[in-house]
Amino acid sequence: MSAPELAPSVEIALRDAAAGLDRRGFLRLAGLAAAAGLLPVGCGRAPAALAPPPDLALAVLTPRSYAVLNAASMRLLGPAAAALVAERKVDPARTTDAWLDRVPELRAPVQQALLVLELAPWPIVAKLRPFTRLEPAAQDAVLDDLMRSRFEMKRALFKGVKSFACLSFYAAPEARALTGYPGPFGGGTEAGRAAMAEAMRYPQD
């Protein structure tokens, strides 16, 4: 399974999502949290059900950040999408890893965002355990808290993670039926860009 090529509109959306994290001081927050000992050192081990497949050599993501992105994708994109990810028919984290390998300047914001979502405890993120170790309902509560937070930085974390989840998931041909558009997702046509915009729409939009 190879990652699809980056359509221009998809690359622009990826850059916007990563820039939103960095612009709001998110990298500084992650650095301060790590310095304060709130983020454990090292990437740790991913839950077995979310671990990268044995044949995948990650270029940028760690096994832990790979697991976080796929876990978040399953909660953010709905039951039909979650089933495709759980069955390994669509692999958003694999696609994101390949895209990050092609666009190095996006690596740091995305890695930091996934690290904070996974490991940061309350009050930075509304949980006391790693995100990938939570039950689905608890993961939903964490994401909902980020989405509705009065703090712009926390909303930026939600939007950044959701943007990468949406873009990488719907880039897969197997996911196109869920958009009602035959693809390619985010391609050069007006319909392709409209499908991308609808998939990435937030509740408050």
C-alpha atoms as a PDB file:
ATOM      1  CA  MET A   1       0.000   0.000   0.000  1.00  0.00           C
ATOM      2  CA  SER A   2       1.735   3.168  -1.182  1.00  0.00           C
ATOM      3  CA  ALA A   3       0.778   6.690  -0.194  1.00  0.00           C
ATOM      4  CA  PRO A   4      -1.070   8.685  -2.863  1.00  0.00           C
ATOM      5  CA  GLU A   5       0.639  11.651  -4.427  1.00  0.00           C
ATOM      6  CA  LEU A   6       0.042  15.022  -2.804  1.00  0.00           C
ATOM      7  CA  ALA A   7      -2.518  17.002  -4.796  1.00  0.00           C
ATOM      8  CA  PRO A   8      -1.765  20.758  -4.639  1.00  0.00           C
ATOM      9  CA  SER A   9      -4.901  21.501  -2.652  1.00  0.00           C
ATOM     10  CA  VAL A  10      -4.081  18.731  -0.175  1.00  0.00           C
ATOM     11  CA  GLU A  11      -0.542  20.026   0.331  1.00  0.00           C
ATOM     12  CA  ILE A  12      -1.881  23.529   0.970  1.00  0.00           C
ATOM     13  CA  ALA A  13      -4.320  22.157   3.555  1.00  0.00           C
ATOM     14  CA  LEU A  14      -1.539  20.160   5.243  1.00  0.00           C
ATOM     15  CA  ARG A  15       0.691  23.216   5.433  1.00  0.00           C
ATOM     16  CA  ASP A  16      -2.162  25.308   6.856  1.00  0.00           C
ATOM     17  CA  ALA A  17      -2.880  22.704   9.531  1.00  0.00           C
ATOM     18  CA  ALA A  18       0.765  22.437  10.585  1.00  0.00           C
ATOM     19  CA  ALA A  19       1.242  26.204  10.504  1.00  0.00           C
ATOM     20  CA  GLY A  20      -1.811  26.639  12.723  1.00  0.00           C
ATOM     21  CA  LEU A  21      -0.181  24.480  15.379  1.00  0.00           C
ATOM     22  CA  ASP A  22       3.128  26.320  15.207  1.00  0.00           C
ATOM     23  CA  ARG A  23       1.641  29.810  14.882  1.00  0.00           C
ATOM     24  CA  ARG A  24      -0.310  29.463  18.113  1.00  0.00           C
ATOM     25  CA  GLY A  25       2.751  28.556  20.127  1.00  0.00           C
ATOM     26  CA  PHE A  26       1.910  24.869  20.212  1.00  0.00           C
ATOM     27  CA  LEU A  27       5.517  23.779  19.731  1.00  0.00           C
ATOM     28  CA  ARG A  28       6.510  26.007  22.639  1.00  0.00           C
ATOM     29  CA  LEU A  29       3.766  24.452  24.772  1.00  0.00           C
ATOM     30  CA  ALA A  30       5.036  20.965  23.960  1.00  0.00           C
ATOM     31  CA  GLY A  31       8.587  22.032  24.799  1.00  0.00           C
ATOM     32  CA  LEU A  32       7.549  23.545  28.113  1.00  0.00           C
ATOM     33  CA  ALA A  33       5.499  20.471  28.995  1.00  0.00           C
ATOM     34  CA  ALA A  34       8.468  18.216  28.246  1.00  0.00           C
ATOM     35  CA  ALA A  35      10.800  20.429  30.291  1.00  0.00           C
ATOM     36  CA  ALA A  36       8.377  20.320  33.210  1.00  0.00           C
ATOM     37  CA  GLY A  37       8.330  16.538  33.094  1.00  0.00           C
ATOM     38  CA  LEU A  38       4.707  16.324  31.960  1.00  0.00           C
ATOM     39  CA  LEU A  39       5.641  14.415  28.785  1.00  0.00           C
ATOM     40  CA  PRO A  40       7.510  11.139  29.282  1.00  0.00           C
ATOM     41  CA  VAL A  41      10.828  10.784  27.466  1.00  0.00           C
ATOM     42  CA  GLY A  42      10.925   8.332  24.537  1.00  0.00           C
ATOM     43  CA  CYS A  43       8.308   7.127  22.127  1.00  0.00           C
ATOM     44  CA  GLY A  44       7.111   4.159  24.181  1.00  0.00           C
ATOM     45  CA  ARG A  45       5.281   1.161  22.821  1.00  0.00           C
ATOM     46  CA  ALA A  46       2.083   1.373  20.821  1.00  0.00           C
ATOM     47  CA  PRO A  47      -0.922  -0.792  21.744  1.00  0.00           C
ATOM     48  CA  ALA A  48      -0.733  -3.983  19.696  1.00  0.00           C
ATOM     49  CA  ALA A  49      -3.995  -3.331  17.836  1.00  0.00           C
ATOM     50  CA  LEU A  50      -2.711   0.068  16.692  1.00  0.00           C
ATOM     51  CA  ALA A  51       0.926  -0.813  16.086  1.00  0.00           C
ATOM     52  CA  PRO A  52       2.411  -0.420  12.602  1.00  0.00           C
ATOM     53  CA  PRO A  53       2.284  -3.597  10.523  1.00  0.00           C
ATOM     54  CA  PRO A  54       5.522  -5.602  10.418  1.00  0.00           C
ATOM     55  CA  ASP A  55       6.170  -4.722   6.768  1.00  0.00           C
ATOM     56  CA  LEU A  56       6.049  -0.952   7.375  1.00  0.00           C
ATOM     57  CA  ALA A  57       9.296   0.939   7.891  1.00  0.00           C
ATOM     58  CA  LEU A  58       8.253   4.343   9.214  1.00  0.00           C
ATOM     59  CA  ALA A  59      10.189   7.272   7.763  1.00  0.00           C
ATOM     60  CA  VAL A  60       9.082  10.031  10.171  1.00  0.00           C
ATOM     61  CA  LEU A  61       6.459   8.913  12.678  1.00  0.00           C
ATOM     62  CA  THR A  62       7.343   6.754  15.659  1.00  0.00           C
ATOM     63  CA  PRO A  63       5.289   3.635  16.399  1.00  0.00           C
ATOM     64  CA  ARG A  64       3.595   5.645  19.166  1.00  0.00           C
ATOM     65  CA  SER A  65       2.692   8.657  17.013  1.00  0.00           C
ATOM     66  CA  TYR A  66       1.543   6.288  14.234  1.00  0.00           C
ATOM     67  CA  ALA A  67      -0.827   4.657  16.730  1.00  0.00           C
ATOM     68  CA  VAL A  68      -2.115   8.009  18.004  1.00  0.00           C
ATOM     69  CA  LEU A  69      -3.027   9.277  14.545  1.00  0.00           C
ATOM     70  CA  ASN A  70      -4.907   6.124  13.605  1.00  0.00           C
ATOM     71  CA  ALA A  71      -6.673   6.038  16.982  1.00  0.00           C
ATOM     72  CA  ALA A  72      -7.748   9.676  16.581  1.00  0.00           C
ATOM     73  CA  SER A  73      -8.846   9.035  12.996  1.00  0.00           C
ATOM     74  CA  MET A  74     -11.137   6.236  14.149  1.00  0.00           C
ATOM     75  CA  ARG A  75     -12.866   8.553  16.622  1.00  0.00           C
ATOM     76  CA  LEU A  76     -13.001  11.656  14.428  1.00  0.00           C
ATOM     77  CA  LEU A  77     -14.262  10.222  11.137  1.00  0.00           C
ATOM     78  CA  GLY A  78     -17.236   8.100  12.136  1.00  0.00           C
ATOM     79  CA  PRO A  79     -18.064   4.371  12.438  1.00  0.00           C
ATOM     80  CA  ALA A  80     -17.695   3.499   8.741  1.00  0.00           C
ATOM     81  CA  ALA A  81     -14.258   5.100   8.593  1.00  0.00           C
ATOM     82  CA  ALA A  82     -13.263   3.523  11.909  1.00  0.00           C
ATOM     83  CA  ALA A  83     -14.093   0.081  10.542  1.00  0.00           C
ATOM     84  CA  LEU A  84     -11.871   0.612   7.495  1.00  0.00           C
ATOM     85  CA  VAL A  85      -8.975   1.732   9.705  1.00  0.00           C
ATOM     86  CA  ALA A  86      -9.470  -1.119  12.210  1.00  0.00           C
ATOM     87  CA  GLU A  87      -9.500  -3.635   9.360  1.00  0.00           C
ATOM     88  CA  ARG A  88      -6.317  -2.055   7.918  1.00  0.00           C
ATOM     89  CA  LYS A  89      -8.078  -1.358   4.631  1.00  0.00           C
ATOM     90  CA  VAL A  90      -7.199   2.327   5.008  1.00  0.00           C
ATOM     91  CA  ASP A  91      -4.126   3.460   6.926  1.00  0.00           C
ATOM     92  CA  PRO A  92      -4.121   7.235   7.591  1.00  0.00           C
ATOM     93  CA  ALA A  93      -0.908   7.118   9.621  1.00  0.00           C
ATOM     94  CA  ARG A  94       1.010   5.320   6.855  1.00  0.00           C
ATOM     95  CA  THR A  95      -0.094   7.967   4.367  1.00  0.00           C
ATOM     96  CA  THR A  96       0.774  10.809   6.747  1.00  0.00           C
ATOM     97  CA  ASP A  97       4.210   9.301   7.373  1.00  0.00           C
ATOM     98  CA  ALA A  98       4.919   9.213   3.625  1.00  0.00           C
ATOM     99  CA  TRP A  99       3.673  12.789   3.176  1.00  0.00           C
ATOM    100  CA  LEU A 100       5.806  14.054   6.054  1.00  0.00           C
ATOM    101  CA  ASP A 101       8.807  12.366   4.497  1.00  0.00           C
ATOM    102  CA  ARG A 102       8.209  14.445   1.357  1.00  0.00           C
ATOM    103  CA  VAL A 103       7.565  17.739   3.184  1.00  0.00           C
ATOM    104  CA  PRO A 104      10.150  17.939   6.010  1.00  0.00           C
ATOM    105  CA  GLU A 105       9.001  21.302   7.408  1.00  0.00           C
ATOM    106  CA  LEU A 106       5.707  19.724   8.519  1.00  0.00           C
ATOM    107  CA  ARG A 107       7.360  17.046  10.620  1.00  0.00           C
ATOM    108  CA  ALA A 108       7.971  18.892  13.899  1.00  0.00           C
ATOM    109  CA  PRO A 109       4.478  20.400  14.389  1.00  0.00           C
ATOM    110  CA  VAL A 110       2.720  17.122  13.583  1.00  0.00           C
ATOM    111  CA  GLN A 111       5.005  14.988  15.741  1.00  0.00           C
ATOM    112  CA  GLN A 112       4.626  17.399  18.673  1.00  0.00           C
ATOM    113  CA  ALA A 113       0.854  17.541  18.301  1.00  0.00           C
ATOM    114  CA  LEU A 114       0.533  13.756  18.337  1.00  0.00           C
ATOM    115  CA  LEU A 115       2.912  13.492  21.295  1.00  0.00           C
ATOM    116  CA  VAL A 116       0.896  15.980  23.323  1.00  0.00           C
ATOM    117  CA  LEU A 117      -2.438  14.348  22.426  1.00  0.00           C
ATOM    118  CA  GLU A 118      -1.085  10.983  23.526  1.00  0.00           C
ATOM    119  CA  LEU A 119       0.929  11.822  26.614  1.00  0.00           C
ATOM    120  CA  ALA A 120      -0.019  15.223  28.042  1.00  0.00           C
ATOM    121  CA  PRO A 121      -2.223  14.912  31.141  1.00  0.00           C
ATOM    122  CA  TRP A 122      -4.816  17.245  32.616  1.00  0.00           C
ATOM    123  CA  PRO A 123      -4.884  20.267  32.578  1.00  0.00           C
ATOM    124  CA  ILE A 124      -3.164  20.357  29.156  1.00  0.00           C
ATOM    125  CA  VAL A 125      -5.378  17.566  27.816  1.00  0.00           C
ATOM    126  CA  ALA A 126      -8.432  16.292  29.697  1.00  0.00           C
ATOM    127  CA  LYS A 127      -7.128  12.846  30.665  1.00  0.00           C
ATOM    128  CA  LEU A 128      -4.737  11.078  33.014  1.00  0.00           C
ATOM    129  CA  ARG A 129      -3.746   8.140  30.765  1.00  0.00           C
ATOM    130  CA  PRO A 130      -2.292   7.916  27.235  1.00  0.00           C
ATOM    131  CA  PHE A 131      -4.887   8.631  24.570  1.00  0.00           C
ATOM    132  CA  THR A 132      -4.392   5.260  22.867  1.00  0.00           C
ATOM    133  CA  ARG A 133      -5.053   3.454  26.171  1.00  0.00           C
ATOM    134  CA  LEU A 134      -8.449   5.091  26.716  1.00  0.00           C
ATOM    135  CA  GLU A 135     -11.805   3.524  25.904  1.00  0.00           C
ATOM    136  CA  PRO A 136     -13.551   4.983  22.812  1.00  0.00           C
ATOM    137  CA  ALA A 137     -15.990   7.055  24.886  1.00  0.00           C
ATOM    138  CA  ALA A 138     -13.112   8.570  26.853  1.00  0.00           C
ATOM    139  CA  GLN A 139     -11.226   9.340  23.634  1.00  0.00           C
ATOM    140  CA  ASP A 140     -14.348  11.083  22.345  1.00  0.00           C
ATOM    141  CA  ALA A 141     -14.487  13.158  25.527  1.00  0.00           C
ATOM    142  CA  VAL A 142     -10.860  14.221  25.125  1.00  0.00           C
ATOM    143  CA  LEU A 143     -11.395  15.297  21.517  1.00  0.00           C
ATOM    144  CA  ASP A 144     -14.636  17.069  22.355  1.00  0.00           C
ATOM    145  CA  ASP A 145     -12.910  18.985  25.150  1.00  0.00           C
ATOM    146  CA  LEU A 146     -10.182  20.116  22.736  1.00  0.00           C
ATOM    147  CA  MET A 147     -12.694  21.104  20.064  1.00  0.00           C
ATOM    148  CA  ARG A 148     -14.834  23.183  22.451  1.00  0.00           C
ATOM    149  CA  SER A 149     -12.050  24.637  24.586  1.00  0.00           C
ATOM    150  CA  ARG A 150     -11.985  28.373  25.193  1.00  0.00           C
ATOM    151  CA  PHE A 151      -8.218  28.184  24.658  1.00  0.00           C
ATOM    152  CA  GLU A 152      -7.253  28.747  21.037  1.00  0.00           C
ATOM    153  CA  MET A 153      -4.166  26.588  21.433  1.00  0.00           C
ATOM    154  CA  LYS A 154      -6.227  23.537  22.376  1.00  0.00           C
ATOM    155  CA  ARG A 155      -8.629  24.125  19.491  1.00  0.00           C
ATOM    156  CA  ALA A 156      -5.587  24.356  17.217  1.00  0.00           C
ATOM    157  CA  LEU A 157      -4.480  20.925  18.434  1.00  0.00           C
ATOM    158  CA  PHE A 158      -7.899  19.488  17.590  1.00  0.00           C
ATOM    159  CA  LYS A 159      -8.032  21.111  14.158  1.00  0.00           C
ATOM    160  CA  GLY A 160      -4.486  20.085  13.307  1.00  0.00           C
ATOM    161  CA  VAL A 161      -5.004  16.438  14.200  1.00  0.00           C
ATOM    162  CA  LYS A 162      -8.400  16.307  12.495  1.00  0.00           C
ATOM    163  CA  SER A 163      -6.997  17.891   9.335  1.00  0.00           C
ATOM    164  CA  PHE A 164      -4.266  15.282   9.012  1.00  0.00           C
ATOM    165  CA  ALA A 165      -6.719  12.483   9.843  1.00  0.00           C
ATOM    166  CA  CYS A 166      -9.209  13.646   7.205  1.00  0.00           C
ATOM    167  CA  LEU A 167      -6.695  14.359   4.470  1.00  0.00           C
ATOM    168  CA  SER A 168      -4.811  11.101   4.843  1.00  0.00           C
ATOM    169  CA  PHE A 169      -7.913   8.938   5.274  1.00  0.00           C
ATOM    170  CA  TYR A 170      -9.916  10.288   2.344  1.00  0.00           C
ATOM    171  CA  ALA A 171      -6.883  10.174   0.054  1.00  0.00           C
ATOM    172  CA  ALA A 172      -7.295   6.382  -0.034  1.00  0.00           C
ATOM    173  CA  PRO A 173      -9.434   5.058  -2.919  1.00  0.00           C
ATOM    174  CA  GLU A 174     -11.179   2.716  -0.460  1.00  0.00           C
ATOM    175  CA  ALA A 175     -12.530   5.752   1.426  1.00  0.00           C
ATOM    176  CA  ARG A 176     -14.019   7.586  -1.532  1.00  0.00           C
ATOM    177  CA  ALA A 177     -17.428   5.952  -1.261  1.00  0.00           C
ATOM    178  CA  LEU A 178     -17.886   7.644   2.123  1.00  0.00           C
ATOM    179  CA  THR A 179     -17.679  11.112   0.536  1.00  0.00           C
ATOM    180  CA  GLY A 180     -20.087  10.390  -2.306  1.00  0.00           C
ATOM    181  CA  TYR A 181     -17.394  11.574  -4.700  1.00  0.00           C
ATOM    182  CA  PRO A 182     -15.457   9.146  -6.952  1.00  0.00           C
ATOM    183  CA  GLY A 183     -12.142  10.968  -6.480  1.00  0.00           C
ATOM    184  CA  PRO A 184      -9.388  11.669  -6.373  1.00  0.00           C
ATOM    185  CA  PHE A 185     -10.058  13.424  -3.082  1.00  0.00           C
ATOM    186  CA  GLY A 186      -8.728  16.978  -3.096  1.00  0.00           C
ATOM    187  CA  GLY A 187      -7.842  16.794  -6.787  1.00  0.00           C
ATOM    188  CA  GLY A 188      -7.691  19.663  -9.208  1.00  0.00           C
ATOM    189  CA  THR A 189     -11.422  19.741  -9.948  1.00  0.00           C
ATOM    190  CA  GLU A 190     -13.932  21.899  -8.143  1.00  0.00           C
ATOM    191  CA  ALA A 191     -15.801  18.759  -7.053  1.00  0.00           C
ATOM    192  CA  GLY A 192     -12.619  17.265  -5.620  1.00  0.00           C
ATOM    193  CA  ARG A 193     -11.892  20.364  -3.587  1.00  0.00           C
ATOM    194  CA  ALA A 194     -15.515  20.525  -2.424  1.00  0.00           C
ATOM    195  CA  ALA A 195     -15.339  16.915  -1.235  1.00  0.00           C
ATOM    196  CA  MET A 196     -12.206  17.741   0.738  1.00  0.00           C
ATOM    197  CA  ALA A 197     -13.759  20.839   2.308  1.00  0.00           C
ATOM    198  CA  GLU A 198     -16.884  18.931   3.363  1.00  0.00           C
ATOM    199  CA  ALA A 199     -14.887  16.096   4.914  1.00  0.00           C
ATOM    200  CA  MET A 200     -12.811  18.555   6.941  1.00  0.00           C
ATOM    201  CA  ARG A 201     -15.726  20.718   8.113  1.00  0.00           C
ATOM    202  CA  TYR A 202     -15.859  21.295  11.877  1.00  0.00           C
ATOM    203  CA  PRO A 203     -19.122  21.383  13.860  1.00  0.00           C
ATOM    204  CA  GLN A 204     -18.792  25.109  14.522  1.00  0.00           C
ATOM    205  CA  ASP A 205     -18.283  25.956  10.817  1.00  0.00           C
END
